[in-house]
Amino acid sequence: MEELIQLIKNAFQYIKNLFRKIIDGILNFAKHVVGWFKSLNLLPGQDVPFIASKEFGEKLKIAPVKNVGIFQGVYNEMTNEITHAEYVEADSLDNQTREILGNEELVVLN
C-alpha cells in the first residue's frame, strides 16, 4: 500500500493536469466513479481501482478549483503502475462517495 501511495504522490500533479474533469454540481458515485471504472474493462486480480480524497491532493500542495475532488485510478499489480487516472472536482460529493471515503485518504475498491 505504501508503494501505491508513493506512486500516486509522484504522478499526482502530472496526472491531475492531464486528466481533470470538473462537475458543476454534485459528484455522484454510481454515475461518475463506478461508470468511469466500468468503461475501462478492468481485469480482476490484476487491475486495482481506487479513489483518493481532495485532502490527499492538498497534502501535495495542489490548489483545487472546486470545493471537493477525488483522484480515481487503476493500479496494475502485475506492472506496478497506475494505468488509468482521473482527477474529478465538483461542488460537493454525494452521500455514497462521502461514506465510502470516510476519513481515509485512499480507498481500494473491489
PDB file of N, CA and C in Angstrom:
ATOM      1  N   MET A   1       0.831  -1.189   0.000  1.00  0.00           N
ATOM      2  CA  MET A   1       0.000   0.000   0.000  1.00  0.00           C
ATOM      3  C   MET A   1       0.877   1.254   0.000  1.00  0.00           C
ATOM      4  N   GLU A   2       1.966   1.250   0.747  1.00  0.00           N
ATOM      5  CA  GLU A   2       2.861   2.416   0.768  1.00  0.00           C
ATOM      6  C   GLU A   2       3.451   2.691  -0.618  1.00  0.00           C
ATOM      7  N   GLU A   3       3.744   1.612  -1.328  1.00  0.00           N
ATOM      8  CA  GLU A   3       4.294   1.753  -2.673  1.00  0.00           C
ATOM      9  C   GLU A   3       3.275   2.407  -3.600  1.00  0.00           C
ATOM     10  N   LEU A   4       2.013   2.029  -3.467  1.00  0.00           N
ATOM     11  CA  LEU A   4       0.945   2.626  -4.260  1.00  0.00           C
ATOM     12  C   LEU A   4       0.811   4.103  -3.920  1.00  0.00           C
ATOM     13  N   ILE A   5       0.832   4.435  -2.655  1.00  0.00           N
ATOM     14  CA  ILE A   5       0.726   5.840  -2.242  1.00  0.00           C
ATOM     15  C   ILE A   5       1.887   6.651  -2.794  1.00  0.00           C
ATOM     16  N   GLN A   6       3.085   6.105  -2.767  1.00  0.00           N
ATOM     17  CA  GLN A   6       4.248   6.818  -3.308  1.00  0.00           C
ATOM     18  C   GLN A   6       4.115   7.023  -4.818  1.00  0.00           C
ATOM     19  N   LEU A   7       3.629   6.018  -5.533  1.00  0.00           N
ATOM     20  CA  LEU A   7       3.396   6.159  -6.973  1.00  0.00           C
ATOM     21  C   LEU A   7       2.410   7.283  -7.255  1.00  0.00           C
ATOM     22  N   ILE A   8       1.348   7.332  -6.466  1.00  0.00           N
ATOM     23  CA  ILE A   8       0.341   8.380  -6.652  1.00  0.00           C
ATOM     24  C   ILE A   8       0.952   9.743  -6.370  1.00  0.00           C
ATOM     25  N   LYS A   9       1.717   9.862  -5.305  1.00  0.00           N
ATOM     26  CA  LYS A   9       2.345  11.139  -4.979  1.00  0.00           C
ATOM     27  C   LYS A   9       3.278  11.599  -6.089  1.00  0.00           C
ATOM     28  N   ASN A  10       4.036  10.681  -6.654  1.00  0.00           N
ATOM     29  CA  ASN A  10       4.983  11.042  -7.710  1.00  0.00           C
ATOM     30  C   ASN A  10       4.283  11.491  -8.979  1.00  0.00           C
ATOM     31  N   ALA A  11       3.117  10.908  -9.261  1.00  0.00           N
ATOM     32  CA  ALA A  11       2.451  11.183 -10.533  1.00  0.00           C
ATOM     33  C   ALA A  11       1.277  12.146 -10.412  1.00  0.00           C
ATOM     34  N   PHE A  12       0.904  12.524  -9.202  1.00  0.00           N
ATOM     35  CA  PHE A  12      -0.346  13.242  -8.966  1.00  0.00           C
ATOM     36  C   PHE A  12      -0.454  14.555  -9.739  1.00  0.00           C
ATOM     37  N   GLN A  13       0.489  15.426  -9.639  1.00  0.00           N
ATOM     38  CA  GLN A  13       0.388  16.729 -10.297  1.00  0.00           C
ATOM     39  C   GLN A  13       0.319  16.568 -11.812  1.00  0.00           C
ATOM     40  N   TYR A  14       1.137  15.735 -12.357  1.00  0.00           N
ATOM     41  CA  TYR A  14       1.148  15.493 -13.794  1.00  0.00           C
ATOM     42  C   TYR A  14      -0.199  14.941 -14.255  1.00  0.00           C
ATOM     43  N   ILE A  15      -0.687  13.944 -13.565  1.00  0.00           N
ATOM     44  CA  ILE A  15      -1.949  13.306 -13.930  1.00  0.00           C
ATOM     45  C   ILE A  15      -3.109  14.268 -13.739  1.00  0.00           C
ATOM     46  N   LYS A  16      -3.098  15.010 -12.666  1.00  0.00           N
ATOM     47  CA  LYS A  16      -4.194  15.932 -12.383  1.00  0.00           C
ATOM     48  C   LYS A  16      -4.345  16.936 -13.505  1.00  0.00           C
ATOM     49  N   ASN A  17      -3.249  17.451 -13.995  1.00  0.00           N
ATOM     50  CA  ASN A  17      -3.313  18.442 -15.058  1.00  0.00           C
ATOM     51  C   ASN A  17      -3.744  17.839 -16.389  1.00  0.00           C
ATOM     52  N   LEU A  18      -3.426  16.580 -16.622  1.00  0.00           N
ATOM     53  CA  LEU A  18      -3.803  15.936 -17.887  1.00  0.00           C
ATOM     54  C   LEU A  18      -5.223  15.405 -17.888  1.00  0.00           C
ATOM     55  N   PHE A  19      -5.682  14.881 -16.771  1.00  0.00           N
ATOM     56  CA  PHE A  19      -6.939  14.160 -16.722  1.00  0.00           C
ATOM     57  C   PHE A  19      -7.889  14.751 -15.691  1.00  0.00           C
ATOM     58  N   ARG A  20      -8.243  15.986 -15.836  1.00  0.00           N
ATOM     59  CA  ARG A  20      -9.107  16.653 -14.870  1.00  0.00           C
ATOM     60  C   ARG A  20     -10.503  16.790 -15.458  1.00  0.00           C
ATOM     61  N   LYS A  21     -11.481  16.428 -14.659  1.00  0.00           N
ATOM     62  CA  LYS A  21     -12.881  16.598 -15.047  1.00  0.00           C
ATOM     63  C   LYS A  21     -13.527  17.481 -13.986  1.00  0.00           C
ATOM     64  N   ILE A  22     -14.267  18.476 -14.415  1.00  0.00           N
ATOM     65  CA  ILE A  22     -14.956  19.380 -13.494  1.00  0.00           C
ATOM     66  C   ILE A  22     -16.455  19.126 -13.623  1.00  0.00           C
ATOM     67  N   ILE A  23     -17.115  18.936 -12.497  1.00  0.00           N
ATOM     68  CA  ILE A  23     -18.561  18.719 -12.469  1.00  0.00           C
ATOM     69  C   ILE A  23     -19.201  19.930 -11.820  1.00  0.00           C
ATOM     70  N   ASP A  24     -20.112  20.565 -12.515  1.00  0.00           N
ATOM     71  CA  ASP A  24     -20.895  21.651 -11.915  1.00  0.00           C
ATOM     72  C   ASP A  24     -22.059  20.993 -11.196  1.00  0.00           C
ATOM     73  N   GLY A  25     -21.935  20.859  -9.903  1.00  0.00           N
ATOM     74  CA  GLY A  25     -22.959  20.188  -9.121  1.00  0.00           C
ATOM     75  C   GLY A  25     -22.355  19.127  -8.232  1.00  0.00           C
ATOM     76  N   ILE A  26     -23.111  18.082  -7.991  1.00  0.00           N
ATOM     77  CA  ILE A  26     -22.731  17.032  -7.040  1.00  0.00           C
ATOM     78  C   ILE A  26     -22.081  15.862  -7.765  1.00  0.00           C
ATOM     79  N   LEU A  27     -20.927  15.417  -7.263  1.00  0.00           N
ATOM     80  CA  LEU A  27     -20.304  14.209  -7.773  1.00  0.00           C
ATOM     81  C   LEU A  27     -21.140  13.026  -7.312  1.00  0.00           C
ATOM     82  N   ASN A  28     -21.580  12.199  -8.248  1.00  0.00           N
ATOM     83  CA  ASN A  28     -22.406  11.040  -7.950  1.00  0.00           C
ATOM     84  C   ASN A  28     -21.550   9.790  -8.095  1.00  0.00           C
ATOM     85  N   PHE A  29     -21.414   9.018  -7.022  1.00  0.00           N
ATOM     86  CA  PHE A  29     -20.524   7.859  -7.023  1.00  0.00           C
ATOM     87  C   PHE A  29     -20.887   6.868  -8.123  1.00  0.00           C
ATOM     88  N   ALA A  30     -22.155   6.491  -8.203  1.00  0.00           N
ATOM     89  CA  ALA A  30     -22.562   5.491  -9.196  1.00  0.00           C
ATOM     90  C   ALA A  30     -22.331   5.990 -10.620  1.00  0.00           C
ATOM     91  N   LYS A  31     -22.689   7.219 -10.879  1.00  0.00           N
ATOM     92  CA  LYS A  31     -22.574   7.757 -12.240  1.00  0.00           C
ATOM     93  C   LYS A  31     -21.140   8.118 -12.606  1.00  0.00           C
ATOM     94  N   HIS A  32     -20.477   8.906 -11.779  1.00  0.00           N
ATOM     95  CA  HIS A  32     -19.167   9.448 -12.137  1.00  0.00           C
ATOM     96  C   HIS A  32     -18.001   8.517 -11.816  1.00  0.00           C
ATOM     97  N   VAL A  33     -18.067   7.797 -10.728  1.00  0.00           N
ATOM     98  CA  VAL A  33     -16.951   6.945 -10.322  1.00  0.00           C
ATOM     99  C   VAL A  33     -17.121   5.534 -10.885  1.00  0.00           C
ATOM    100  N   VAL A  34     -18.193   4.864 -10.500  1.00  0.00           N
ATOM    101  CA  VAL A  34     -18.408   3.494 -10.958  1.00  0.00           C
ATOM    102  C   VAL A  34     -18.515   3.456 -12.490  1.00  0.00           C
ATOM    103  N   GLY A  35     -19.216   4.417 -13.073  1.00  0.00           N
ATOM    104  CA  GLY A  35     -19.344   4.473 -14.526  1.00  0.00           C
ATOM    105  C   GLY A  35     -17.999   4.579 -15.229  1.00  0.00           C
ATOM    106  N   TRP A  36     -17.102   5.414 -14.670  1.00  0.00           N
ATOM    107  CA  TRP A  36     -15.770   5.582 -15.267  1.00  0.00           C
ATOM    108  C   TRP A  36     -14.980   4.279 -15.196  1.00  0.00           C
ATOM    109  N   PHE A  37     -15.002   3.633 -14.023  1.00  0.00           N
ATOM    110  CA  PHE A  37     -14.269   2.377 -13.876  1.00  0.00           C
ATOM    111  C   PHE A  37     -14.838   1.289 -14.792  1.00  0.00           C
ATOM    112  N   LYS A  38     -16.159   1.207 -14.901  1.00  0.00           N
ATOM    113  CA  LYS A  38     -16.767   0.195 -15.773  1.00  0.00           C
ATOM    114  C   LYS A  38     -16.348   0.393 -17.222  1.00  0.00           C
ATOM    115  N   SER A  39     -16.170   1.645 -17.639  1.00  0.00           N
ATOM    116  CA  SER A  39     -15.801   1.920 -19.025  1.00  0.00           C
ATOM    117  C   SER A  39     -14.380   1.456 -19.353  1.00  0.00           C
ATOM    118  N   LEU A  40     -13.579   1.138 -18.345  1.00  0.00           N
ATOM    119  CA  LEU A  40     -12.185   0.752 -18.552  1.00  0.00           C
ATOM    120  C   LEU A  40     -11.996  -0.742 -18.796  1.00  0.00           C
ATOM    121  N   ASN A  41     -13.045  -1.555 -18.587  1.00  0.00           N
ATOM    122  CA  ASN A  41     -12.947  -3.013 -18.778  1.00  0.00           C
ATOM    123  C   ASN A  41     -11.741  -3.592 -18.037  1.00  0.00           C
ATOM    124  N   LEU A  42     -11.719  -3.403 -16.725  1.00  0.00           N
ATOM    125  CA  LEU A  42     -10.596  -3.824 -15.892  1.00  0.00           C
ATOM    126  C   LEU A  42     -10.518  -5.347 -15.758  1.00  0.00           C
ATOM    127  N   LEU A  43      -9.319  -5.831 -15.494  1.00  0.00           N
ATOM    128  CA  LEU A  43      -9.092  -7.259 -15.298  1.00  0.00           C
ATOM    129  C   LEU A  43      -9.035  -7.575 -13.802  1.00  0.00           C
ATOM    130  N   PRO A  44      -9.998  -8.341 -13.277  1.00  0.00           N
ATOM    131  CA  PRO A  44      -9.969  -8.712 -11.857  1.00  0.00           C
ATOM    132  C   PRO A  44      -8.688  -9.459 -11.520  1.00  0.00           C
ATOM    133  N   GLY A  45      -8.132  -9.168 -10.356  1.00  0.00           N
ATOM    134  CA  GLY A  45      -6.904  -9.809  -9.922  1.00  0.00           C
ATOM    135  C   GLY A  45      -5.648  -9.153 -10.470  1.00  0.00           C
ATOM    136  N   GLN A  46      -5.816  -8.210 -11.378  1.00  0.00           N
ATOM    137  CA  GLN A  46      -4.667  -7.508 -11.950  1.00  0.00           C
ATOM    138  C   GLN A  46      -4.820  -6.005 -11.786  1.00  0.00           C
ATOM    139  N   ASP A  47      -5.990  -5.475 -12.113  1.00  0.00           N
ATOM    140  CA  ASP A  47      -6.236  -4.036 -12.017  1.00  0.00           C
ATOM    141  C   ASP A  47      -6.931  -3.730 -10.694  1.00  0.00           C
ATOM    142  N   VAL A  48      -6.429  -2.745  -9.960  1.00  0.00           N
ATOM    143  CA  VAL A  48      -6.963  -2.388  -8.646  1.00  0.00           C
ATOM    144  C   VAL A  48      -7.508  -0.965  -8.711  1.00  0.00           C
ATOM    145  N   PRO A  49      -8.829  -0.803  -8.788  1.00  0.00           N
ATOM    146  CA  PRO A  49      -9.399   0.541  -8.831  1.00  0.00           C
ATOM    147  C   PRO A  49      -9.320   1.200  -7.453  1.00  0.00           C
ATOM    148  N   PHE A  50      -9.124   2.509  -7.439  1.00  0.00           N
ATOM    149  CA  PHE A  50      -9.056   3.233  -6.167  1.00  0.00           C
ATOM    150  C   PHE A  50      -9.527   4.664  -6.363  1.00  0.00           C
ATOM    151  N   ILE A  51      -9.866   5.322  -5.267  1.00  0.00           N
ATOM    152  CA  ILE A  51     -10.126   6.753  -5.252  1.00  0.00           C
ATOM    153  C   ILE A  51      -9.379   7.347  -4.076  1.00  0.00           C
ATOM    154  N   ALA A  52      -9.018   8.606  -4.162  1.00  0.00           N
ATOM    155  CA  ALA A  52      -8.348   9.309  -3.064  1.00  0.00           C
ATOM    156  C   ALA A  52      -9.041  10.649  -2.880  1.00  0.00           C
ATOM    157  N   SER A  53      -9.153  11.103  -1.657  1.00  0.00           N
ATOM    158  CA  SER A  53      -9.870  12.339  -1.357  1.00  0.00           C
ATOM    159  C   SER A  53      -9.083  13.582  -1.745  1.00  0.00           C
ATOM    160  N   LYS A  54      -9.773  14.711  -1.746  1.00  0.00           N
ATOM    161  CA  LYS A  54      -9.151  16.002  -2.031  1.00  0.00           C
ATOM    162  C   LYS A  54      -8.015  16.270  -1.043  1.00  0.00           C
ATOM    163  N   GLU A  55      -8.179  15.829   0.200  1.00  0.00           N
ATOM    164  CA  GLU A  55      -7.147  16.040   1.214  1.00  0.00           C
ATOM    165  C   GLU A  55      -5.832  15.407   0.793  1.00  0.00           C
ATOM    166  N   PHE A  56      -5.919  14.292   0.089  1.00  0.00           N
ATOM    167  CA  PHE A  56      -4.726  13.639  -0.430  1.00  0.00           C
ATOM    168  C   PHE A  56      -3.979  14.609  -1.346  1.00  0.00           C
ATOM    169  N   GLY A  57      -4.709  15.275  -2.208  1.00  0.00           N
ATOM    170  CA  GLY A  57      -4.116  16.255  -3.110  1.00  0.00           C
ATOM    171  C   GLY A  57      -3.593  17.484  -2.398  1.00  0.00           C
ATOM    172  N   GLU A  58      -4.309  17.933  -1.384  1.00  0.00           N
ATOM    173  CA  GLU A  58      -3.869  19.117  -0.652  1.00  0.00           C
ATOM    174  C   GLU A  58      -2.536  18.873   0.034  1.00  0.00           C
ATOM    175  N   LYS A  59      -2.327  17.661   0.468  1.00  0.00           N
ATOM    176  CA  LYS A  59      -1.047  17.334   1.085  1.00  0.00           C
ATOM    177  C   LYS A  59       0.090  17.468   0.090  1.00  0.00           C
ATOM    178  N   LEU A  60      -0.248  17.406  -1.172  1.00  0.00           N
ATOM    179  CA  LEU A  60       0.751  17.566  -2.224  1.00  0.00           C
ATOM    180  C   LEU A  60       0.790  19.010  -2.732  1.00  0.00           C
ATOM    181  N   LYS A  61       0.165  19.926  -1.983  1.00  0.00           N
ATOM    182  CA  LYS A  61       0.166  21.360  -2.266  1.00  0.00           C
ATOM    183  C   LYS A  61      -0.474  21.685  -3.612  1.00  0.00           C
ATOM    184  N   ILE A  62      -1.646  21.124  -3.826  1.00  0.00           N
ATOM    185  CA  ILE A  62      -2.412  21.399  -5.036  1.00  0.00           C
ATOM    186  C   ILE A  62      -3.602  22.270  -4.642  1.00  0.00           C
ATOM    187  N   ALA A  63      -3.810  23.323  -5.405  1.00  0.00           N
ATOM    188  CA  ALA A  63      -4.929  24.227  -5.141  1.00  0.00           C
ATOM    189  C   ALA A  63      -6.100  23.856  -6.052  1.00  0.00           C
ATOM    190  N   PRO A  64      -7.115  23.141  -5.530  1.00  0.00           N
ATOM    191  CA  PRO A  64      -8.241  22.751  -6.361  1.00  0.00           C
ATOM    192  C   PRO A  64      -9.125  23.942  -6.735  1.00  0.00           C
ATOM    193  N   VAL A  65      -9.810  23.789  -7.852  1.00  0.00           N
ATOM    194  CA  VAL A  65     -10.696  24.836  -8.344  1.00  0.00           C
ATOM    195  C   VAL A  65     -12.058  24.765  -7.671  1.00  0.00           C
ATOM    196  N   LYS A  66     -12.542  23.564  -7.411  1.00  0.00           N
ATOM    197  CA  LYS A  66     -13.856  23.356  -6.812  1.00  0.00           C
ATOM    198  C   LYS A  66     -13.721  23.057  -5.328  1.00  0.00           C
ATOM    199  N   ASN A  67     -14.866  22.911  -4.661  1.00  0.00           N
ATOM    200  CA  ASN A  67     -14.880  22.659  -3.223  1.00  0.00           C
ATOM    201  C   ASN A  67     -14.388  21.266  -2.848  1.00  0.00           C
ATOM    202  N   VAL A  68     -14.683  20.264  -3.671  1.00  0.00           N
ATOM    203  CA  VAL A  68     -14.305  18.883  -3.385  1.00  0.00           C
ATOM    204  C   VAL A  68     -13.682  18.253  -4.617  1.00  0.00           C
ATOM    205  N   GLY A  69     -12.963  17.195  -4.402  1.00  0.00           N
ATOM    206  CA  GLY A  69     -12.381  16.483  -5.528  1.00  0.00           C
ATOM    207  C   GLY A  69     -11.904  15.115  -5.106  1.00  0.00           C
ATOM    208  N   ILE A  70     -11.843  14.217  -6.073  1.00  0.00           N
ATOM    209  CA  ILE A  70     -11.272  12.899  -5.846  1.00  0.00           C
ATOM    210  C   ILE A  70     -10.329  12.571  -6.985  1.00  0.00           C
ATOM    211  N   PHE A  71      -9.343  11.784  -6.673  1.00  0.00           N
ATOM    212  CA  PHE A  71      -8.425  11.234  -7.661  1.00  0.00           C
ATOM    213  C   PHE A  71      -8.814   9.779  -7.782  1.00  0.00           C
ATOM    214  N   GLN A  72      -9.196   9.353  -8.972  1.00  0.00           N
ATOM    215  CA  GLN A  72      -9.566   7.954  -9.158  1.00  0.00           C
ATOM    216  C   GLN A  72      -8.639   7.336 -10.185  1.00  0.00           C
ATOM    217  N   GLY A  73      -8.287   6.104  -9.949  1.00  0.00           N
ATOM    218  CA  GLY A  73      -7.347   5.471 -10.852  1.00  0.00           C
ATOM    219  C   GLY A  73      -7.335   3.966 -10.707  1.00  0.00           C
ATOM    220  N   VAL A  74      -6.482   3.356 -11.507  1.00  0.00           N
ATOM    221  CA  VAL A  74      -6.330   1.904 -11.512  1.00  0.00           C
ATOM    222  C   VAL A  74      -4.850   1.597 -11.360  1.00  0.00           C
ATOM    223  N   TYR A  75      -4.545   0.776 -10.389  1.00  0.00           N
ATOM    224  CA  TYR A  75      -3.178   0.322 -10.132  1.00  0.00           C
ATOM    225  C   TYR A  75      -3.056  -1.106 -10.644  1.00  0.00           C
ATOM    226  N   ASN A  76      -2.125  -1.355 -11.547  1.00  0.00           N
ATOM    227  CA  ASN A  76      -1.888  -2.684 -12.090  1.00  0.00           C
ATOM    228  C   ASN A  76      -0.833  -3.372 -11.230  1.00  0.00           C
ATOM    229  N   GLU A  77      -1.244  -4.411 -10.523  1.00  0.00           N
ATOM    230  CA  GLU A  77      -0.334  -5.115  -9.617  1.00  0.00           C
ATOM    231  C   GLU A  77       0.761  -5.865 -10.366  1.00  0.00           C
ATOM    232  N   MET A  78       0.496  -6.273 -11.601  1.00  0.00           N
ATOM    233  CA  MET A  78       1.482  -7.025 -12.370  1.00  0.00           C
ATOM    234  C   MET A  78       2.641  -6.125 -12.814  1.00  0.00           C
ATOM    235  N   THR A  79       2.316  -4.897 -13.242  1.00  0.00           N
ATOM    236  CA  THR A  79       3.343  -3.992 -13.763  1.00  0.00           C
ATOM    237  C   THR A  79       3.780  -2.946 -12.739  1.00  0.00           C
ATOM    238  N   ASN A  80       3.089  -2.875 -11.591  1.00  0.00           N
ATOM    239  CA  ASN A  80       3.395  -1.899 -10.552  1.00  0.00           C
ATOM    240  C   ASN A  80       3.267  -0.464 -11.075  1.00  0.00           C
ATOM    241  N   GLU A  81       2.217  -0.221 -11.875  1.00  0.00           N
ATOM    242  CA  GLU A  81       1.996   1.088 -12.481  1.00  0.00           C
ATOM    243  C   GLU A  81       0.543   1.521 -12.307  1.00  0.00           C
ATOM    244  N   ILE A  82       0.328   2.818 -12.329  1.00  0.00           N
ATOM    245  CA  ILE A  82      -1.020   3.358 -12.422  1.00  0.00           C
ATOM    246  C   ILE A  82      -1.331   3.423 -13.910  1.00  0.00           C
ATOM    247  N   THR A  83      -2.331   2.654 -14.335  1.00  0.00           N
ATOM    248  CA  THR A  83      -2.606   2.531 -15.765  1.00  0.00           C
ATOM    249  C   THR A  83      -3.683   3.488 -16.255  1.00  0.00           C
ATOM    250  N   HIS A  84      -4.574   3.919 -15.395  1.00  0.00           N
ATOM    251  CA  HIS A  84      -5.630   4.875 -15.730  1.00  0.00           C
ATOM    252  C   HIS A  84      -5.770   5.819 -14.544  1.00  0.00           C
ATOM    253  N   ALA A  85      -6.007   7.084 -14.822  1.00  0.00           N
ATOM    254  CA  ALA A  85      -6.164   8.034 -13.722  1.00  0.00           C
ATOM    255  C   ALA A  85      -6.990   9.228 -14.183  1.00  0.00           C
ATOM    256  N   GLU A  86      -7.706   9.797 -13.223  1.00  0.00           N
ATOM    257  CA  GLU A  86      -8.504  10.982 -13.497  1.00  0.00           C
ATOM    258  C   GLU A  86      -8.707  11.721 -12.182  1.00  0.00           C
ATOM    259  N   TYR A  87      -8.593  13.032 -12.226  1.00  0.00           N
ATOM    260  CA  TYR A  87      -8.901  13.861 -11.066  1.00  0.00           C
ATOM    261  C   TYR A  87     -10.228  14.541 -11.351  1.00  0.00           C
ATOM    262  N   VAL A  88     -11.209  14.356 -10.469  1.00  0.00           N
ATOM    263  CA  VAL A  88     -12.552  14.897 -10.659  1.00  0.00           C
ATOM    264  C   VAL A  88     -12.845  15.879  -9.550  1.00  0.00           C
ATOM    265  N   GLU A  89     -13.229  17.103  -9.922  1.00  0.00           N
ATOM    266  CA  GLU A  89     -13.614  18.126  -8.956  1.00  0.00           C
ATOM    267  C   GLU A  89     -15.091  18.446  -9.123  1.00  0.00           C
ATOM    268  N   ALA A  90     -15.751  18.785  -8.030  1.00  0.00           N
ATOM    269  CA  ALA A  90     -17.172  19.106  -8.061  1.00  0.00           C
ATOM    270  C   ALA A  90     -17.488  20.107  -6.957  1.00  0.00           C
ATOM    271  N   ASP A  91     -18.726  20.569  -6.958  1.00  0.00           N
ATOM    272  CA  ASP A  91     -19.164  21.484  -5.906  1.00  0.00           C
ATOM    273  C   ASP A  91     -19.360  20.753  -4.586  1.00  0.00           C
ATOM    274  N   SER A  92     -19.781  19.481  -4.650  1.00  0.00           N
ATOM    275  CA  SER A  92     -19.955  18.677  -3.444  1.00  0.00           C
ATOM    276  C   SER A  92     -19.934  17.198  -3.827  1.00  0.00           C
ATOM    277  N   LEU A  93     -19.868  16.339  -2.804  1.00  0.00           N
ATOM    278  CA  LEU A  93     -19.885  14.888  -3.001  1.00  0.00           C
ATOM    279  C   LEU A  93     -21.248  14.353  -2.591  1.00  0.00           C
ATOM    280  N   ASP A  94     -21.701  13.298  -3.249  1.00  0.00           N
ATOM    281  CA  ASP A  94     -22.933  12.666  -2.814  1.00  0.00           C
ATOM    282  C   ASP A  94     -22.661  11.865  -1.537  1.00  0.00           C
ATOM    283  N   ASN A  95     -23.733  11.431  -0.881  1.00  0.00           N
ATOM    284  CA  ASN A  95     -23.597  10.713   0.393  1.00  0.00           C
ATOM    285  C   ASN A  95     -22.813   9.426   0.249  1.00  0.00           C
ATOM    286  N   GLN A  96     -23.015   8.700  -0.857  1.00  0.00           N
ATOM    287  CA  GLN A  96     -22.319   7.422  -1.044  1.00  0.00           C
ATOM    288  C   GLN A  96     -20.812   7.625  -1.142  1.00  0.00           C
ATOM    289  N   THR A  97     -20.371   8.631  -1.884  1.00  0.00           N
ATOM    290  CA  THR A  97     -18.936   8.902  -2.007  1.00  0.00           C
ATOM    291  C   THR A  97     -18.357   9.304  -0.659  1.00  0.00           C
ATOM    292  N   ARG A  98     -19.051  10.182   0.061  1.00  0.00           N
ATOM    293  CA  ARG A  98     -18.591  10.601   1.394  1.00  0.00           C
ATOM    294  C   ARG A  98     -18.483   9.410   2.330  1.00  0.00           C
ATOM    295  N   GLU A  99     -19.477   8.526   2.273  1.00  0.00           N
ATOM    296  CA  GLU A  99     -19.482   7.348   3.144  1.00  0.00           C
ATOM    297  C   GLU A  99     -18.334   6.408   2.797  1.00  0.00           C
ATOM    298  N   ILE A 100     -18.098   6.184   1.514  1.00  0.00           N
ATOM    299  CA  ILE A 100     -17.031   5.277   1.089  1.00  0.00           C
ATOM    300  C   ILE A 100     -15.667   5.835   1.477  1.00  0.00           C
ATOM    301  N   LEU A 101     -15.454   7.128   1.282  1.00  0.00           N
ATOM    302  CA  LEU A 101     -14.167   7.727   1.649  1.00  0.00           C
ATOM    303  C   LEU A 101     -13.995   7.803   3.160  1.00  0.00           C
ATOM    304  N   GLY A 102     -15.075   8.110   3.870  1.00  0.00           N
ATOM    305  CA  GLY A 102     -14.974   8.276   5.323  1.00  0.00           C
ATOM    306  C   GLY A 102     -13.867   9.257   5.650  1.00  0.00           C
ATOM    307  N   ASN A 103     -12.954   8.887   6.528  1.00  0.00           N
ATOM    308  CA  ASN A 103     -11.804   9.732   6.875  1.00  0.00           C
ATOM    309  C   ASN A 103     -10.522   9.230   6.228  1.00  0.00           C
ATOM    310  N   GLU A 104     -10.653   8.343   5.266  1.00  0.00           N
ATOM    311  CA  GLU A 104      -9.479   7.745   4.615  1.00  0.00           C
ATOM    312  C   GLU A 104      -8.982   8.636   3.484  1.00  0.00           C
ATOM    313  N   GLU A 105      -7.680   8.635   3.283  1.00  0.00           N
ATOM    314  CA  GLU A 105      -7.078   9.340   2.143  1.00  0.00           C
ATOM    315  C   GLU A 105      -7.136   8.491   0.887  1.00  0.00           C
ATOM    316  N   LEU A 106      -7.062   7.175   1.061  1.00  0.00           N
ATOM    317  CA  LEU A 106      -7.004   6.246  -0.061  1.00  0.00           C
ATOM    318  C   LEU A 106      -7.903   5.058   0.233  1.00  0.00           C
ATOM    319  N   VAL A 107      -8.791   4.738  -0.707  1.00  0.00           N
ATOM    320  CA  VAL A 107      -9.701   3.606  -0.549  1.00  0.00           C
ATOM    321  C   VAL A 107      -9.553   2.704  -1.761  1.00  0.00           C
ATOM    322  N   VAL A 108      -9.199   1.449  -1.536  1.00  0.00           N
ATOM    323  CA  VAL A 108      -9.127   0.462  -2.617  1.00  0.00           C
ATOM    324  C   VAL A 108     -10.522  -0.107  -2.792  1.00  0.00           C
ATOM    325  N   LEU A 109     -11.030  -0.077  -4.009  1.00  0.00           N
ATOM    326  CA  LEU A 109     -12.368  -0.551  -4.304  1.00  0.00           C
ATOM    327  C   LEU A 109     -12.302  -1.989  -4.796  1.00  0.00           C
ATOM    328  N   ASN A 110     -13.374  -2.732  -4.590  1.00  0.00           N
ATOM    329  CA  ASN A 110     -13.418  -4.099  -5.119  1.00  0.00           C
ATOM    330  C   ASN A 110     -14.777  -4.417  -5.647  1.00  0.00           C
TER     331      ASN A 110
END
